[in-house]
PDB file of N, CA and C in Angstrom:
ATOM      1  N   MET A   1     -32.834 -28.095 -94.266  1.00  0.00           N
ATOM      2  CA  MET A   1     -33.532 -27.200 -95.168  1.00  0.00           C
ATOM      3  C   MET A   1     -34.852 -26.733 -94.536  1.00  0.00           C
ATOM      4  N   PHE A   2     -35.630 -27.702 -94.012  1.00  0.00           N
ATOM      5  CA  PHE A   2     -36.924 -27.385 -93.422  1.00  0.00           C
ATOM      6  C   PHE A   2     -36.761 -26.523 -92.174  1.00  0.00           C
ATOM      7  N   ASP A   3     -35.739 -26.830 -91.342  1.00  0.00           N
ATOM      8  CA  ASP A   3     -35.493 -26.057 -90.122  1.00  0.00           C
ATOM      9  C   ASP A   3     -35.121 -24.604 -90.447  1.00  0.00           C
ATOM     10  N   ALA A   4     -34.342 -24.407 -91.474  1.00  0.00           N
ATOM     11  CA  ALA A   4     -33.946 -23.055 -91.867  1.00  0.00           C
ATOM     12  C   ALA A   4     -35.161 -22.261 -92.359  1.00  0.00           C
ATOM     13  N   LEU A   5     -36.034 -22.923 -93.090  1.00  0.00           N
ATOM     14  CA  LEU A   5     -37.242 -22.272 -93.588  1.00  0.00           C
ATOM     15  C   LEU A   5     -38.160 -21.891 -92.421  1.00  0.00           C
ATOM     16  N   MET A   6     -38.296 -22.790 -91.452  1.00  0.00           N
ATOM     17  CA  MET A   6     -39.128 -22.511 -90.273  1.00  0.00           C
ATOM     18  C   MET A   6     -38.557 -21.351 -89.478  1.00  0.00           C
ATOM     19  N   ALA A   7     -37.242 -21.327 -89.310  1.00  0.00           N
ATOM     20  CA  ALA A   7     -36.602 -20.247 -88.551  1.00  0.00           C
ATOM     21  C   ALA A   7     -36.817 -18.907 -89.250  1.00  0.00           C
ATOM     22  N   ALA A   8     -36.700 -18.875 -90.548  1.00  0.00           N
ATOM     23  CA  ALA A   8     -36.902 -17.637 -91.301  1.00  0.00           C
ATOM     24  C   ALA A   8     -38.353 -17.176 -91.196  1.00  0.00           C
ATOM     25  N   THR A   9     -39.283 -18.120 -91.275  1.00  0.00           N
ATOM     26  CA  THR A   9     -40.705 -17.791 -91.172  1.00  0.00           C
ATOM     27  C   THR A   9     -41.032 -17.259 -89.783  1.00  0.00           C
ATOM     28  N   GLU A  10     -40.501 -17.914 -88.756  1.00  0.00           N
ATOM     29  CA  GLU A  10     -40.744 -17.464 -87.386  1.00  0.00           C
ATOM     30  C   GLU A  10     -40.166 -16.072 -87.150  1.00  0.00           C
ATOM     31  N   LYS A  11     -39.016 -15.797 -87.737  1.00  0.00           N
ATOM     32  CA  LYS A  11     -38.400 -14.478 -87.591  1.00  0.00           C
ATOM     33  C   LYS A  11     -39.268 -13.410 -88.242  1.00  0.00           C
ATOM     34  N   LYS A  12     -39.806 -13.711 -89.432  1.00  0.00           N
ATOM     35  CA  LYS A  12     -40.683 -12.754 -90.104  1.00  0.00           C
ATOM     36  C   LYS A  12     -41.948 -12.505 -89.287  1.00  0.00           C
ATOM     37  N   ILE A  13     -42.494 -13.565 -88.716  1.00  0.00           N
ATOM     38  CA  ILE A  13     -43.694 -13.420 -87.884  1.00  0.00           C
ATOM     39  C   ILE A  13     -43.382 -12.571 -86.665  1.00  0.00           C
ATOM     40  N   GLN A  14     -42.258 -12.824 -86.030  1.00  0.00           N
ATOM     41  CA  GLN A  14     -41.868 -12.063 -84.852  1.00  0.00           C
ATOM     42  C   GLN A  14     -41.692 -10.580 -85.193  1.00  0.00           C
ATOM     43  N   GLU A  15     -41.058 -10.286 -86.319  1.00  0.00           N
ATOM     44  CA  GLU A  15     -40.865  -8.895 -86.737  1.00  0.00           C
ATOM     45  C   GLU A  15     -42.209  -8.222 -87.027  1.00  0.00           C
ATOM     46  N   TYR A  16     -43.122  -8.958 -87.651  1.00  0.00           N
ATOM     47  CA  TYR A  16     -44.440  -8.419 -87.965  1.00  0.00           C
ATOM     48  C   TYR A  16     -45.213  -8.095 -86.688  1.00  0.00           C
ATOM     49  N   LEU A  17     -45.211  -9.018 -85.729  1.00  0.00           N
ATOM     50  CA  LEU A  17     -45.921  -8.786 -84.472  1.00  0.00           C
ATOM     51  C   LEU A  17     -45.290  -7.643 -83.681  1.00  0.00           C
ATOM     52  N   ALA A  18     -43.974  -7.526 -83.744  1.00  0.00           N
ATOM     53  CA  ALA A  18     -43.293  -6.425 -83.063  1.00  0.00           C
ATOM     54  C   ALA A  18     -43.705  -5.090 -83.669  1.00  0.00           C
ATOM     55  N   GLU A  19     -43.837  -5.048 -84.986  1.00  0.00           N
ATOM     56  CA  GLU A  19     -44.249  -3.813 -85.665  1.00  0.00           C
ATOM     57  C   GLU A  19     -45.684  -3.436 -85.281  1.00  0.00           C
ATOM     58  N   ILE A  20     -46.564  -4.415 -85.236  1.00  0.00           N
ATOM     59  CA  ILE A  20     -47.948  -4.146 -84.832  1.00  0.00           C
ATOM     60  C   ILE A  20     -47.973  -3.604 -83.400  1.00  0.00           C
ATOM     61  N   GLY A  21     -47.236  -4.213 -82.514  1.00  0.00           N
ATOM     62  CA  GLY A  21     -47.190  -3.771 -81.126  1.00  0.00           C
ATOM     63  C   GLY A  21     -46.623  -2.373 -80.991  1.00  0.00           C
ATOM     64  N   ARG A  22     -45.628  -2.070 -81.757  1.00  0.00           N
ATOM     65  CA  ARG A  22     -45.011  -0.746 -81.714  1.00  0.00           C
ATOM     66  C   ARG A  22     -46.019   0.317 -82.168  1.00  0.00           C
ATOM     67  N   ARG A  23     -46.737   0.034 -83.261  1.00  0.00           N
ATOM     68  CA  ARG A  23     -47.734   0.990 -83.761  1.00  0.00           C
ATOM     69  C   ARG A  23     -48.865   1.164 -82.760  1.00  0.00           C
ATOM     70  N   GLY A  24     -49.331   0.073 -82.180  1.00  0.00           N
ATOM     71  CA  GLY A  24     -50.412   0.151 -81.202  1.00  0.00           C
ATOM     72  C   GLY A  24     -49.998   0.934 -79.972  1.00  0.00           C
ATOM     73  N   GLY A  25     -48.778   0.733 -79.532  1.00  0.00           N
ATOM     74  CA  GLY A  25     -48.293   1.456 -78.363  1.00  0.00           C
ATOM     75  C   GLY A  25     -48.182   2.948 -78.615  1.00  0.00           C
ATOM     76  N   LEU A  26     -47.765   3.315 -79.800  1.00  0.00           N
ATOM     77  CA  LEU A  26     -47.644   4.735 -80.132  1.00  0.00           C
ATOM     78  C   LEU A  26     -49.020   5.372 -80.283  1.00  0.00           C
ATOM     79  N   ALA A  27     -49.962   4.636 -80.846  1.00  0.00           N
ATOM     80  CA  ALA A  27     -51.294   5.190 -81.077  1.00  0.00           C
ATOM     81  C   ALA A  27     -52.068   5.359 -79.777  1.00  0.00           C
ATOM     82  N   SER A  28     -51.816   4.515 -78.805  1.00  0.00           N
ATOM     83  CA  SER A  28     -52.605   4.560 -77.585  1.00  0.00           C
ATOM     84  C   SER A  28     -52.027   5.504 -76.534  1.00  0.00           C
ATOM     85  N   ARG A  29     -50.918   6.143 -76.833  1.00  0.00           N
ATOM     86  CA  ARG A  29     -50.335   7.080 -75.876  1.00  0.00           C
ATOM     87  C   ARG A  29     -51.240   8.288 -75.734  1.00  0.00           C
ATOM     88  N   ARG A  30     -51.408   8.737 -74.531  1.00  0.00           N
ATOM     89  CA  ARG A  30     -52.199   9.935 -74.303  1.00  0.00           C
ATOM     90  C   ARG A  30     -51.618  10.659 -73.119  1.00  0.00           C
ATOM     91  N   GLU A  31     -51.899  11.932 -73.056  1.00  0.00           N
ATOM     92  CA  GLU A  31     -51.420  12.708 -71.923  1.00  0.00           C
ATOM     93  C   GLU A  31     -52.573  12.922 -70.968  1.00  0.00           C
ATOM     94  N   LEU A  32     -52.292  12.741 -69.713  1.00  0.00           N
ATOM     95  CA  LEU A  32     -53.297  12.901 -68.680  1.00  0.00           C
ATOM     96  C   LEU A  32     -53.056  14.239 -68.005  1.00  0.00           C
ATOM     97  N   THR A  33     -54.035  15.130 -68.138  1.00  0.00           N
ATOM     98  CA  THR A  33     -53.886  16.441 -67.520  1.00  0.00           C
ATOM     99  C   THR A  33     -54.131  16.327 -66.020  1.00  0.00           C
ATOM    100  N   ARG A  34     -53.643  17.300 -65.306  1.00  0.00           N
ATOM    101  CA  ARG A  34     -53.810  17.303 -63.860  1.00  0.00           C
ATOM    102  C   ARG A  34     -55.291  17.343 -63.475  1.00  0.00           C
ATOM    103  N   SER A  35     -56.071  18.153 -64.183  1.00  0.00           N
ATOM    104  CA  SER A  35     -57.495  18.271 -63.854  1.00  0.00           C
ATOM    105  C   SER A  35     -58.236  16.967 -64.151  1.00  0.00           C
ATOM    106  N   HIS A  36     -57.888  16.306 -65.248  1.00  0.00           N
ATOM    107  CA  HIS A  36     -58.531  15.039 -65.577  1.00  0.00           C
ATOM    108  C   HIS A  36     -58.167  13.972 -64.548  1.00  0.00           C
ATOM    109  N   ALA A  37     -56.938  13.956 -64.119  1.00  0.00           N
ATOM    110  CA  ALA A  37     -56.513  12.990 -63.110  1.00  0.00           C
ATOM    111  C   ALA A  37     -57.275  13.209 -61.803  1.00  0.00           C
ATOM    112  N   LYS A  38     -57.466  14.470 -61.428  1.00  0.00           N
ATOM    113  CA  LYS A  38     -58.210  14.760 -60.207  1.00  0.00           C
ATOM    114  C   LYS A  38     -59.658  14.304 -60.318  1.00  0.00           C
ATOM    115  N   LYS A  39     -60.268  14.496 -61.489  1.00  0.00           N
ATOM    116  CA  LYS A  39     -61.644  14.041 -61.697  1.00  0.00           C
ATOM    117  C   LYS A  39     -61.738  12.520 -61.607  1.00  0.00           C
ATOM    118  N   MET A  40     -60.750  11.837 -62.166  1.00  0.00           N
ATOM    119  CA  MET A  40     -60.742  10.377 -62.104  1.00  0.00           C
ATOM    120  C   MET A  40     -60.674   9.894 -60.655  1.00  0.00           C
ATOM    121  N   VAL A  41     -59.839  10.541 -59.859  1.00  0.00           N
ATOM    122  CA  VAL A  41     -59.704  10.169 -58.455  1.00  0.00           C
ATOM    123  C   VAL A  41     -61.012  10.451 -57.720  1.00  0.00           C
ATOM    124  N   ALA A  42     -61.645  11.593 -58.007  1.00  0.00           N
ATOM    125  CA  ALA A  42     -62.902  11.936 -57.349  1.00  0.00           C
ATOM    126  C   ALA A  42     -63.985  10.914 -57.681  1.00  0.00           C
ATOM    127  N   ILE A  43     -64.057  10.492 -58.921  1.00  0.00           N
ATOM    128  CA  ILE A  43     -65.048   9.486 -59.325  1.00  0.00           C
ATOM    129  C   ILE A  43     -64.768   8.165 -58.621  1.00  0.00           C
ATOM    130  N   ARG A  44     -63.505   7.779 -58.548  1.00  0.00           N
ATOM    131  CA  ARG A  44     -63.141   6.532 -57.873  1.00  0.00           C
ATOM    132  C   ARG A  44     -63.539   6.575 -56.398  1.00  0.00           C
ATOM    133  N   GLU A  45     -63.289   7.706 -55.746  1.00  0.00           N
ATOM    134  CA  GLU A  45     -63.640   7.835 -54.330  1.00  0.00           C
ATOM    135  C   GLU A  45     -65.151   7.847 -54.139  1.00  0.00           C
ATOM    136  N   ALA A  46     -65.879   8.492 -55.050  1.00  0.00           N
ATOM    137  CA  ALA A  46     -67.333   8.503 -54.965  1.00  0.00           C
ATOM    138  C   ALA A  46     -67.897   7.099 -55.139  1.00  0.00           C
ATOM    139  N   LYS A  47     -67.312   6.343 -56.049  1.00  0.00           N
ATOM    140  CA  LYS A  47     -67.750   4.961 -56.270  1.00  0.00           C
ATOM    141  C   LYS A  47     -67.510   4.129 -55.020  1.00  0.00           C
ATOM    142  N   ARG A  48     -66.333   4.265 -54.448  1.00  0.00           N
ATOM    143  CA  ARG A  48     -65.997   3.513 -53.239  1.00  0.00           C
ATOM    144  C   ARG A  48     -66.977   3.837 -52.105  1.00  0.00           C
ATOM    145  N   ALA A  49     -67.278   5.132 -51.929  1.00  0.00           N
ATOM    146  CA  ALA A  49     -68.188   5.556 -50.867  1.00  0.00           C
ATOM    147  C   ALA A  49     -69.603   5.042 -51.120  1.00  0.00           C
ATOM    148  N   ALA A  50     -70.056   5.101 -52.377  1.00  0.00           N
ATOM    149  CA  ALA A  50     -71.407   4.640 -52.704  1.00  0.00           C
ATOM    150  C   ALA A  50     -71.543   3.144 -52.464  1.00  0.00           C
ATOM    151  N   LEU A  51     -70.578   2.379 -52.894  1.00  0.00           N
ATOM    152  CA  LEU A  51     -70.645   0.931 -52.707  1.00  0.00           C
ATOM    153  C   LEU A  51     -70.585   0.566 -51.234  1.00  0.00           C
ATOM    154  N   LYS A  52     -69.788   1.299 -50.465  1.00  0.00           N
ATOM    155  CA  LYS A  52     -69.680   1.040 -49.032  1.00  0.00           C
ATOM    156  C   LYS A  52     -71.004   1.349 -48.336  1.00  0.00           C
ATOM    157  N   ALA A  53     -71.720   2.394 -48.821  1.00  0.00           N
ATOM    158  CA  ALA A  53     -73.003   2.774 -48.230  1.00  0.00           C
ATOM    159  C   ALA A  53     -74.160   1.920 -48.755  1.00  0.00           C
ATOM    160  N   GLY A  54     -73.870   1.014 -49.675  1.00  0.00           N
ATOM    161  CA  GLY A  54     -74.908   0.135 -50.208  1.00  0.00           C
ATOM    162  C   GLY A  54     -75.748   0.773 -51.303  1.00  0.00           C
ATOM    163  N   LYS A  55     -75.262   1.858 -51.873  1.00  0.00           N
ATOM    164  CA  LYS A  55     -75.992   2.525 -52.947  1.00  0.00           C
ATOM    165  C   LYS A  55     -75.549   1.964 -54.287  1.00  0.00           C
ATOM    166  N   PRO A  56     -76.413   2.063 -55.298  1.00  0.00           N
ATOM    167  CA  PRO A  56     -76.031   1.525 -56.616  1.00  0.00           C
ATOM    168  C   PRO A  56     -74.969   2.392 -57.282  1.00  0.00           C
ATOM    169  N   TRP A  57     -74.120   1.742 -58.041  1.00  0.00           N
ATOM    170  CA  TRP A  57     -73.131   2.461 -58.837  1.00  0.00           C
ATOM    171  C   TRP A  57     -73.166   1.925 -60.246  1.00  0.00           C
ATOM    172  N   PRO A  58     -73.211   2.698 -61.271  1.00  0.00           N
ATOM    173  CA  PRO A  58     -73.229   4.156 -61.279  1.00  0.00           C
ATOM    174  C   PRO A  58     -74.591   4.670 -60.830  1.00  0.00           C
ATOM    175  N   PRO A  59     -74.649   5.922 -60.384  1.00  0.00           N
ATOM    176  CA  PRO A  59     -75.918   6.474 -59.924  1.00  0.00           C
ATOM    177  C   PRO A  59     -76.945   6.493 -61.055  1.00  0.00           C
ATOM    178  N   ARG A  60     -78.189   6.354 -60.720  1.00  0.00           N
ATOM    179  CA  ARG A  60     -79.247   6.317 -61.737  1.00  0.00           C
ATOM    180  C   ARG A  60     -79.270   7.620 -62.539  1.00  0.00           C
ATOM    181  N   ASP A  61     -79.104   8.741 -61.842  1.00  0.00           N
ATOM    182  CA  ASP A  61     -79.097  10.045 -62.501  1.00  0.00           C
ATOM    183  C   ASP A  61     -77.708  10.653 -62.310  1.00  0.00           C
ATOM    184  N   ARG A  62     -76.928  10.646 -63.355  1.00  0.00           N
ATOM    185  CA  ARG A  62     -75.534  11.126 -63.243  1.00  0.00           C
ATOM    186  C   ARG A  62     -75.440  12.605 -62.929  1.00  0.00           C
ATOM    187  N   ARG A  63     -76.523  13.355 -63.181  1.00  0.00           N
ATOM    188  CA  ARG A  63     -76.493  14.784 -62.863  1.00  0.00           C
ATOM    189  C   ARG A  63     -76.419  15.014 -61.360  1.00  0.00           C
ATOM    190  N   LEU A  64     -76.844  14.013 -60.582  1.00  0.00           N
ATOM    191  CA  LEU A  64     -76.783  14.163 -59.120  1.00  0.00           C
ATOM    192  C   LEU A  64     -75.370  13.931 -58.585  1.00  0.00           C
ATOM    193  N   LEU A  65     -74.507  13.372 -59.407  1.00  0.00           N
ATOM    194  CA  LEU A  65     -73.125  13.121 -58.985  1.00  0.00           C
ATOM    195  C   LEU A  65     -72.348  14.428 -58.992  1.00  0.00           C
ATOM    196  N   LYS A  66     -71.935  14.864 -57.833  1.00  0.00           N
ATOM    197  CA  LYS A  66     -71.205  16.121 -57.715  1.00  0.00           C
ATOM    198  C   LYS A  66     -69.731  15.807 -57.471  1.00  0.00           C
ATOM    199  N   LEU A  67     -68.885  16.374 -58.299  1.00  0.00           N
ATOM    200  CA  LEU A  67     -67.455  16.220 -58.122  1.00  0.00           C
ATOM    201  C   LEU A  67     -66.899  17.526 -57.579  1.00  0.00           C
ATOM    202  N   SER A  68     -66.044  17.423 -56.580  1.00  0.00           N
ATOM    203  CA  SER A  68     -65.500  18.653 -56.005  1.00  0.00           C
ATOM    204  C   SER A  68     -64.302  19.145 -56.778  1.00  0.00           C
TER     205      SER A  68
END
């Protein structure tokens, strides 16, 4: 009797967590445009170059950061 009750409870918990995960996955979907992806890559490369040159990241004045 107790084992059957535990199994039913665990199944309900599993279904509930699956539903939460499904909703979260659908809500967090986004489309990445080509231009946004290019900007992300440019920022990553600028960060890599700055750290390699011993400069602070992020730059103190973000207006000086030029993206091509």
